[in-house]
Every structure is written in C-alpha cells, then in structure tokens.
Amino acid sequence: MVDEALVWSTQWLSRFAVALGGFLIFVGIMMIGVFLLVFFGFLDVGILEGEKVRMLSLWALLIIGLLDLVSGIILRRR
C-alpha cells in the first residue's frame, strides 16, 4: 500500500514538473517575442515606463524565476 502511494506521488510530481516546464517554455517564447518587437521598433518602450507596470513586470519575472527553480528541483530529484 505504501508503494502505491509513493508511485502515485512520484507520477503526479513528474506530471506537474512537465506541465510547469511547458508553461515556462511558453512564457520564455512570449518574452523573446516581446523583446524582438521592441528591438525592431514595432512596440513602443514608453508603455513600460510607468512605475506600476515596471513593478508588475518585476513581480512577474520573480514569480517565473521561482517557478523555474521549483521545476528544476523537482526534475533534479526525479
């Protein structure tokens, strides 16, 4: 019975890590796209100059970084 619970938890953790990794890949592609739009001049950087928007983007980057760390730890232990 203990073995079944252990197998179920490792399968769930593996699926969670894969889903989290897929989400992080998606977010990374979106960030590269925004960078390219700004770099080639298709998107105005003035949009990001507001303090509220800067704080929001910094919080988003921090959360994405923490999620990336968690998924790396999960995959390392696997």
PDB file of N, CA and C in Angstrom:
ATOM      1  N   MET A   1       0.823  -1.193   0.000  1.00  0.00           N
ATOM      2  CA  MET A   1       0.000   0.000   0.000  1.00  0.00           C
ATOM      3  C   MET A   1       0.864   1.253   0.000  1.00  0.00           C
ATOM      4  N   VAL A   2       1.956   1.209   0.738  1.00  0.00           N
ATOM      5  CA  VAL A   2       2.856   2.357   0.777  1.00  0.00           C
ATOM      6  C   VAL A   2       3.498   2.560  -0.591  1.00  0.00           C
ATOM      7  N   ASP A   3       3.828   1.464  -1.266  1.00  0.00           N
ATOM      8  CA  ASP A   3       4.452   1.557  -2.579  1.00  0.00           C
ATOM      9  C   ASP A   3       3.519   2.218  -3.596  1.00  0.00           C
ATOM     10  N   GLU A   4       2.222   1.905  -3.520  1.00  0.00           N
ATOM     11  CA  GLU A   4       1.265   2.517  -4.446  1.00  0.00           C
ATOM     12  C   GLU A   4       1.169   4.026  -4.221  1.00  0.00           C
ATOM     13  N   ALA A   5       1.172   4.444  -2.974  1.00  0.00           N
ATOM     14  CA  ALA A   5       1.111   5.876  -2.671  1.00  0.00           C
ATOM     15  C   ALA A   5       2.378   6.577  -3.134  1.00  0.00           C
ATOM     16  N   LEU A   6       3.511   5.923  -2.982  1.00  0.00           N
ATOM     17  CA  LEU A   6       4.774   6.503  -3.415  1.00  0.00           C
ATOM     18  C   LEU A   6       4.834   6.609  -4.932  1.00  0.00           C
ATOM     19  N   VAL A   7       4.376   5.583  -5.627  1.00  0.00           N
ATOM     20  CA  VAL A   7       4.357   5.609  -7.087  1.00  0.00           C
ATOM     21  C   VAL A   7       3.408   6.694  -7.578  1.00  0.00           C
ATOM     22  N   TRP A   8       2.242   6.802  -6.955  1.00  0.00           N
ATOM     23  CA  TRP A   8       1.275   7.822  -7.360  1.00  0.00           C
ATOM     24  C   TRP A   8       1.844   9.218  -7.147  1.00  0.00           C
ATOM     25  N   SER A   9       2.518   9.448  -6.015  1.00  0.00           N
ATOM     26  CA  SER A   9       3.053  10.785  -5.744  1.00  0.00           C
ATOM     27  C   SER A   9       4.190  11.129  -6.695  1.00  0.00           C
ATOM     28  N   THR A  10       5.030  10.167  -7.038  1.00  0.00           N
ATOM     29  CA  THR A  10       6.107  10.469  -7.986  1.00  0.00           C
ATOM     30  C   THR A  10       5.561  10.697  -9.390  1.00  0.00           C
ATOM     31  N   GLN A  11       4.517   9.964  -9.773  1.00  0.00           N
ATOM     32  CA  GLN A  11       3.910  10.201 -11.083  1.00  0.00           C
ATOM     33  C   GLN A  11       3.264  11.581 -11.127  1.00  0.00           C
ATOM     34  N   TRP A  12       2.574  11.953 -10.071  1.00  0.00           N
ATOM     35  CA  TRP A  12       1.934  13.255 -10.015  1.00  0.00           C
ATOM     36  C   TRP A  12       2.980  14.361 -10.049  1.00  0.00           C
ATOM     37  N   LEU A  13       4.072  14.191  -9.295  1.00  0.00           N
ATOM     38  CA  LEU A  13       5.128  15.186  -9.257  1.00  0.00           C
ATOM     39  C   LEU A  13       5.810  15.312 -10.617  1.00  0.00           C
ATOM     40  N   SER A  14       5.996  14.197 -11.304  1.00  0.00           N
ATOM     41  CA  SER A  14       6.594  14.230 -12.639  1.00  0.00           C
ATOM     42  C   SER A  14       5.684  14.956 -13.620  1.00  0.00           C
ATOM     43  N   ARG A  15       4.405  14.679 -13.574  1.00  0.00           N
ATOM     44  CA  ARG A  15       3.462  15.363 -14.463  1.00  0.00           C
ATOM     45  C   ARG A  15       3.406  16.854 -14.165  1.00  0.00           C
ATOM     46  N   PHE A  16       3.450  17.199 -12.901  1.00  0.00           N
ATOM     47  CA  PHE A  16       3.442  18.600 -12.505  1.00  0.00           C
ATOM     48  C   PHE A  16       4.691  19.301 -13.018  1.00  0.00           C
ATOM     49  N   ALA A  17       5.848  18.660 -12.892  1.00  0.00           N
ATOM     50  CA  ALA A  17       7.094  19.258 -13.358  1.00  0.00           C
ATOM     51  C   ALA A  17       7.085  19.436 -14.875  1.00  0.00           C
ATOM     52  N   VAL A  18       6.544  18.472 -15.593  1.00  0.00           N
ATOM     53  CA  VAL A  18       6.461  18.585 -17.050  1.00  0.00           C
ATOM     54  C   VAL A  18       5.510  19.716 -17.443  1.00  0.00           C
ATOM     55  N   ALA A  19       4.381  19.823 -16.777  1.00  0.00           N
ATOM     56  CA  ALA A  19       3.427  20.899 -17.072  1.00  0.00           C
ATOM     57  C   ALA A  19       4.038  22.264 -16.748  1.00  0.00           C
ATOM     58  N   LEU A  20       4.729  22.345 -15.635  1.00  0.00           N
ATOM     59  CA  LEU A  20       5.373  23.593 -15.253  1.00  0.00           C
ATOM     60  C   LEU A  20       6.476  23.958 -16.244  1.00  0.00           C
ATOM     61  N   GLY A  21       7.232  22.979 -16.687  1.00  0.00           N
ATOM     62  CA  GLY A  21       8.268  23.225 -17.688  1.00  0.00           C
ATOM     63  C   GLY A  21       7.672  23.713 -18.999  1.00  0.00           C
ATOM     64  N   GLY A  22       6.568  23.121 -19.422  1.00  0.00           N
ATOM     65  CA  GLY A  22       5.903  23.573 -20.638  1.00  0.00           C
ATOM     66  C   GLY A  22       5.412  25.001 -20.514  1.00  0.00           C
ATOM     67  N   PHE A  23       4.871  25.345 -19.364  1.00  0.00           N
ATOM     68  CA  PHE A  23       4.419  26.712 -19.127  1.00  0.00           C
ATOM     69  C   PHE A  23       5.590  27.685 -19.182  1.00  0.00           C
ATOM     70  N   LEU A  24       6.713  27.304 -18.581  1.00  0.00           N
ATOM     71  CA  LEU A  24       7.880  28.184 -18.583  1.00  0.00           C
ATOM     72  C   LEU A  24       8.461  28.349 -19.985  1.00  0.00           C
ATOM     73  N   ILE A  25       8.433  27.299 -20.781  1.00  0.00           N
ATOM     74  CA  ILE A  25       8.882  27.417 -22.172  1.00  0.00           C
ATOM     75  C   ILE A  25       7.978  28.388 -22.923  1.00  0.00           C
ATOM     76  N   PHE A  26       6.674  28.283 -22.720  1.00  0.00           N
ATOM     77  CA  PHE A  26       5.719  29.186 -23.355  1.00  0.00           C
ATOM     78  C   PHE A  26       5.982  30.636 -22.951  1.00  0.00           C
ATOM     79  N   VAL A  27       6.196  30.879 -21.677  1.00  0.00           N
ATOM     80  CA  VAL A  27       6.451  32.239 -21.193  1.00  0.00           C
ATOM     81  C   VAL A  27       7.771  32.756 -21.766  1.00  0.00           C
ATOM     82  N   GLY A  28       8.764  31.891 -21.854  1.00  0.00           N
ATOM     83  CA  GLY A  28      10.037  32.303 -22.433  1.00  0.00           C
ATOM     84  C   GLY A  28       9.906  32.697 -23.888  1.00  0.00           C
ATOM     85  N   ILE A  29       9.121  31.955 -24.641  1.00  0.00           N
ATOM     86  CA  ILE A  29       8.894  32.296 -26.047  1.00  0.00           C
ATOM     87  C   ILE A  29       8.175  33.633 -26.154  1.00  0.00           C
ATOM     88  N   MET A  30       7.203  33.859 -25.273  1.00  0.00           N
ATOM     89  CA  MET A  30       6.498  35.142 -25.275  1.00  0.00           C
ATOM     90  C   MET A  30       7.454  36.294 -24.954  1.00  0.00           C
ATOM     91  N   MET A  31       8.339  36.103 -23.987  1.00  0.00           N
ATOM     92  CA  MET A  31       9.283  37.157 -23.620  1.00  0.00           C
ATOM     93  C   MET A  31      10.265  37.440 -24.754  1.00  0.00           C
ATOM     94  N   ILE A  32      10.717  36.405 -25.448  1.00  0.00           N
ATOM     95  CA  ILE A  32      11.603  36.603 -26.598  1.00  0.00           C
ATOM     96  C   ILE A  32      10.864  37.374 -27.690  1.00  0.00           C
ATOM     97  N   GLY A  33       9.592  37.046 -27.904  1.00  0.00           N
ATOM     98  CA  GLY A  33       8.798  37.763 -28.893  1.00  0.00           C
ATOM     99  C   GLY A  33       8.646  39.238 -28.565  1.00  0.00           C
ATOM    100  N   VAL A  34       8.379  39.550 -27.312  1.00  0.00           N
ATOM    101  CA  VAL A  34       8.252  40.951 -26.900  1.00  0.00           C
ATOM    102  C   VAL A  34       9.584  41.671 -27.067  1.00  0.00           C
ATOM    103  N   PHE A  35      10.680  41.001 -26.701  1.00  0.00           N
ATOM    104  CA  PHE A  35      11.994  41.605 -26.880  1.00  0.00           C
ATOM    105  C   PHE A  35      12.262  41.922 -28.349  1.00  0.00           C
ATOM    106  N   LEU A  36      11.943  40.987 -29.229  1.00  0.00           N
ATOM    107  CA  LEU A  36      12.171  41.225 -30.653  1.00  0.00           C
ATOM    108  C   LEU A  36      11.298  42.349 -31.189  1.00  0.00           C
ATOM    109  N   LEU A  37      10.054  42.424 -30.712  1.00  0.00           N
ATOM    110  CA  LEU A  37       9.178  43.523 -31.133  1.00  0.00           C
ATOM    111  C   LEU A  37       9.736  44.878 -30.703  1.00  0.00           C
ATOM    112  N   VAL A  38      10.255  44.948 -29.485  1.00  0.00           N
ATOM    113  CA  VAL A  38      10.848  46.193 -29.005  1.00  0.00           C
ATOM    114  C   VAL A  38      12.143  46.480 -29.764  1.00  0.00           C
ATOM    115  N   PHE A  39      12.956  45.462 -29.981  1.00  0.00           N
ATOM    116  CA  PHE A  39      14.248  45.628 -30.644  1.00  0.00           C
ATOM    117  C   PHE A  39      14.098  46.153 -32.071  1.00  0.00           C
ATOM    118  N   PHE A  40      13.121  45.638 -32.800  1.00  0.00           N
ATOM    119  CA  PHE A  40      12.926  46.067 -34.178  1.00  0.00           C
ATOM    120  C   PHE A  40      12.002  47.278 -34.305  1.00  0.00           C
ATOM    121  N   GLY A  41      11.531  47.817 -33.177  1.00  0.00           N
ATOM    122  CA  GLY A  41      10.772  49.052 -33.201  1.00  0.00           C
ATOM    123  C   GLY A  41       9.286  48.901 -33.464  1.00  0.00           C
ATOM    124  N   PHE A  42       8.751  47.711 -33.398  1.00  0.00           N
ATOM    125  CA  PHE A  42       7.321  47.516 -33.621  1.00  0.00           C
ATOM    126  C   PHE A  42       6.490  47.779 -32.367  1.00  0.00           C
ATOM    127  N   LEU A  43       7.147  47.827 -31.212  1.00  0.00           N
ATOM    128  CA  LEU A  43       6.460  48.063 -29.938  1.00  0.00           C
ATOM    129  C   LEU A  43       7.154  49.221 -29.240  1.00  0.00           C
ATOM    130  N   ASP A  44       6.374  50.164 -28.756  1.00  0.00           N
ATOM    131  CA  ASP A  44       6.931  51.335 -28.084  1.00  0.00           C
ATOM    132  C   ASP A  44       7.337  50.972 -26.661  1.00  0.00           C
ATOM    133  N   VAL A  45       8.553  51.342 -26.282  1.00  0.00           N
ATOM    134  CA  VAL A  45       9.043  51.048 -24.939  1.00  0.00           C
ATOM    135  C   VAL A  45       8.411  51.982 -23.916  1.00  0.00           C
ATOM    136  N   GLY A  46       7.864  53.090 -24.365  1.00  0.00           N
ATOM    137  CA  GLY A  46       7.243  54.051 -23.461  1.00  0.00           C
ATOM    138  C   GLY A  46       6.092  53.460 -22.666  1.00  0.00           C
ATOM    139  N   ILE A  47       5.523  52.385 -23.163  1.00  0.00           N
ATOM    140  CA  ILE A  47       4.437  51.708 -22.440  1.00  0.00           C
ATOM    141  C   ILE A  47       4.933  51.172 -21.102  1.00  0.00           C
ATOM    142  N   LEU A  48       6.181  50.744 -21.066  1.00  0.00           N
ATOM    143  CA  LEU A  48       6.737  50.091 -19.877  1.00  0.00           C
ATOM    144  C   LEU A  48       7.366  51.064 -18.889  1.00  0.00           C
ATOM    145  N   GLU A  49       7.239  52.370 -19.128  1.00  0.00           N
ATOM    146  CA  GLU A  49       7.899  53.346 -18.273  1.00  0.00           C
ATOM    147  C   GLU A  49       7.132  53.678 -17.007  1.00  0.00           C
ATOM    148  N   GLY A  50       5.863  53.341 -16.941  1.00  0.00           N
ATOM    149  CA  GLY A  50       5.091  53.630 -15.740  1.00  0.00           C
ATOM    150  C   GLY A  50       5.562  52.788 -14.568  1.00  0.00           C
ATOM    151  N   GLU A  51       5.516  53.360 -13.372  1.00  0.00           N
ATOM    152  CA  GLU A  51       6.026  52.656 -12.200  1.00  0.00           C
ATOM    153  C   GLU A  51       5.203  51.414 -11.876  1.00  0.00           C
ATOM    154  N   LYS A  52       3.900  51.497 -12.055  1.00  0.00           N
ATOM    155  CA  LYS A  52       3.058  50.339 -11.772  1.00  0.00           C
ATOM    156  C   LYS A  52       3.353  49.188 -12.730  1.00  0.00           C
ATOM    157  N   VAL A  53       3.563  49.528 -13.990  1.00  0.00           N
ATOM    158  CA  VAL A  53       3.852  48.497 -14.984  1.00  0.00           C
ATOM    159  C   VAL A  53       5.222  47.878 -14.722  1.00  0.00           C
ATOM    160  N   ARG A  54       6.190  48.710 -14.329  1.00  0.00           N
ATOM    161  CA  ARG A  54       7.527  48.183 -14.016  1.00  0.00           C
ATOM    162  C   ARG A  54       7.471  47.236 -12.828  1.00  0.00           C
ATOM    163  N   MET A  55       6.743  47.618 -11.791  1.00  0.00           N
ATOM    164  CA  MET A  55       6.641  46.748 -10.613  1.00  0.00           C
ATOM    165  C   MET A  55       5.924  45.444 -10.965  1.00  0.00           C
ATOM    166  N   LEU A  56       4.891  45.528 -11.784  1.00  0.00           N
ATOM    167  CA  LEU A  56       4.175  44.336 -12.201  1.00  0.00           C
ATOM    168  C   LEU A  56       5.085  43.407 -12.999  1.00  0.00           C
ATOM    169  N   SER A  57       5.867  43.966 -13.916  1.00  0.00           N
ATOM    170  CA  SER A  57       6.759  43.119 -14.709  1.00  0.00           C
ATOM    171  C   SER A  57       7.869  42.519 -13.850  1.00  0.00           C
ATOM    172  N   LEU A  58       8.359  43.266 -12.865  1.00  0.00           N
ATOM    173  CA  LEU A  58       9.379  42.706 -11.974  1.00  0.00           C
ATOM    174  C   LEU A  58       8.819  41.574 -11.133  1.00  0.00           C
ATOM    175  N   TRP A  59       7.591  41.727 -10.637  1.00  0.00           N
ATOM    176  CA  TRP A  59       6.957  40.654  -9.873  1.00  0.00           C
ATOM    177  C   TRP A  59       6.722  39.422 -10.752  1.00  0.00           C
ATOM    178  N   ALA A  60       6.307  39.668 -11.992  1.00  0.00           N
ATOM    179  CA  ALA A  60       6.087  38.552 -12.912  1.00  0.00           C
ATOM    180  C   ALA A  60       7.390  37.807 -13.183  1.00  0.00           C
ATOM    181  N   LEU A  61       8.478  38.541 -13.392  1.00  0.00           N
ATOM    182  CA  LEU A  61       9.770  37.891 -13.615  1.00  0.00           C
ATOM    183  C   LEU A  61      10.235  37.120 -12.378  1.00  0.00           C
ATOM    184  N   LEU A  62       9.984  37.674 -11.191  1.00  0.00           N
ATOM    185  CA  LEU A  62      10.353  36.973  -9.960  1.00  0.00           C
ATOM    186  C   LEU A  62       9.563  35.677  -9.809  1.00  0.00           C
ATOM    187  N   ILE A  63       8.282  35.733 -10.066  1.00  0.00           N
ATOM    188  CA  ILE A  63       7.441  34.535  -9.949  1.00  0.00           C
ATOM    189  C   ILE A  63       7.852  33.493 -10.976  1.00  0.00           C
ATOM    190  N   ILE A  64       8.139  33.914 -12.195  1.00  0.00           N
ATOM    191  CA  ILE A  64       8.578  32.974 -13.225  1.00  0.00           C
ATOM    192  C   ILE A  64       9.906  32.343 -12.833  1.00  0.00           C
ATOM    193  N   GLY A  65      10.806  33.134 -12.295  1.00  0.00           N
ATOM    194  CA  GLY A  65      12.086  32.597 -11.833  1.00  0.00           C
ATOM    195  C   GLY A  65      11.921  31.583 -10.710  1.00  0.00           C
ATOM    196  N   LEU A  66      11.028  31.872  -9.770  1.00  0.00           N
ATOM    197  CA  LEU A  66      10.777  30.934  -8.675  1.00  0.00           C
ATOM    198  C   LEU A  66      10.145  29.639  -9.177  1.00  0.00           C
ATOM    199  N   LEU A  67       9.220  29.750 -10.126  1.00  0.00           N
ATOM    200  CA  LEU A  67       8.621  28.552 -10.710  1.00  0.00           C
ATOM    201  C   LEU A  67       9.668  27.728 -11.446  1.00  0.00           C
ATOM    202  N   ASP A  68      10.577  28.407 -12.116  1.00  0.00           N
ATOM    203  CA  ASP A  68      11.653  27.711 -12.807  1.00  0.00           C
ATOM    204  C   ASP A  68      12.552  26.983 -11.806  1.00  0.00           C
ATOM    205  N   LEU A  69      12.843  27.614 -10.689  1.00  0.00           N
ATOM    206  CA  LEU A  69      13.650  26.974  -9.649  1.00  0.00           C
ATOM    207  C   LEU A  69      12.946  25.747  -9.085  1.00  0.00           C
ATOM    208  N   VAL A  70      11.662  25.859  -8.816  1.00  0.00           N
ATOM    209  CA  VAL A  70      10.894  24.734  -8.275  1.00  0.00           C
ATOM    210  C   VAL A  70      10.871  23.566  -9.270  1.00  0.00           C
ATOM    211  N   SER A  71      10.642  23.870 -10.542  1.00  0.00           N
ATOM    212  CA  SER A  71      10.616  22.782 -11.526  1.00  0.00           C
ATOM    213  C   SER A  71      11.990  22.148 -11.674  1.00  0.00           C
ATOM    214  N   GLY A  72      13.053  22.937 -11.573  1.00  0.00           N
ATOM    215  CA  GLY A  72      14.395  22.367 -11.624  1.00  0.00           C
ATOM    216  C   GLY A  72      14.687  21.454 -10.453  1.00  0.00           C
ATOM    217  N   ILE A  73      14.237  21.842  -9.272  1.00  0.00           N
ATOM    218  CA  ILE A  73      14.432  20.990  -8.088  1.00  0.00           C
ATOM    219  C   ILE A  73      13.647  19.696  -8.229  1.00  0.00           C
ATOM    220  N   ILE A  74      12.417  19.798  -8.708  1.00  0.00           N
ATOM    221  CA  ILE A  74      11.591  18.602  -8.893  1.00  0.00           C
ATOM    222  C   ILE A  74      12.239  17.654  -9.893  1.00  0.00           C
ATOM    223  N   LEU A  75      12.694  18.185 -11.005  1.00  0.00           N
ATOM    224  CA  LEU A  75      13.315  17.341 -12.028  1.00  0.00           C
ATOM    225  C   LEU A  75      14.660  16.790 -11.562  1.00  0.00           C
ATOM    226  N   ARG A  76      15.391  17.527 -10.752  1.00  0.00           N
ATOM    227  CA  ARG A  76      16.675  17.032 -10.231  1.00  0.00           C
ATOM    228  C   ARG A  76      16.468  15.855  -9.287  1.00  0.00           C
ATOM    229  N   ARG A  77      15.445  15.906  -8.468  1.00  0.00           N
ATOM    230  CA  ARG A  77      15.187  14.824  -7.518  1.00  0.00           C
ATOM    231  C   ARG A  77      14.615  13.588  -8.197  1.00  0.00           C
ATOM    232  N   ARG A  78      14.092  13.743  -9.376  1.00  0.00           N
ATOM    233  CA  ARG A  78      13.480  12.638 -10.103  1.00  0.00           C
ATOM    234  C   ARG A  78      14.498  11.728 -10.643  1.00  0.00           C
TER     235      ARG A  78
END
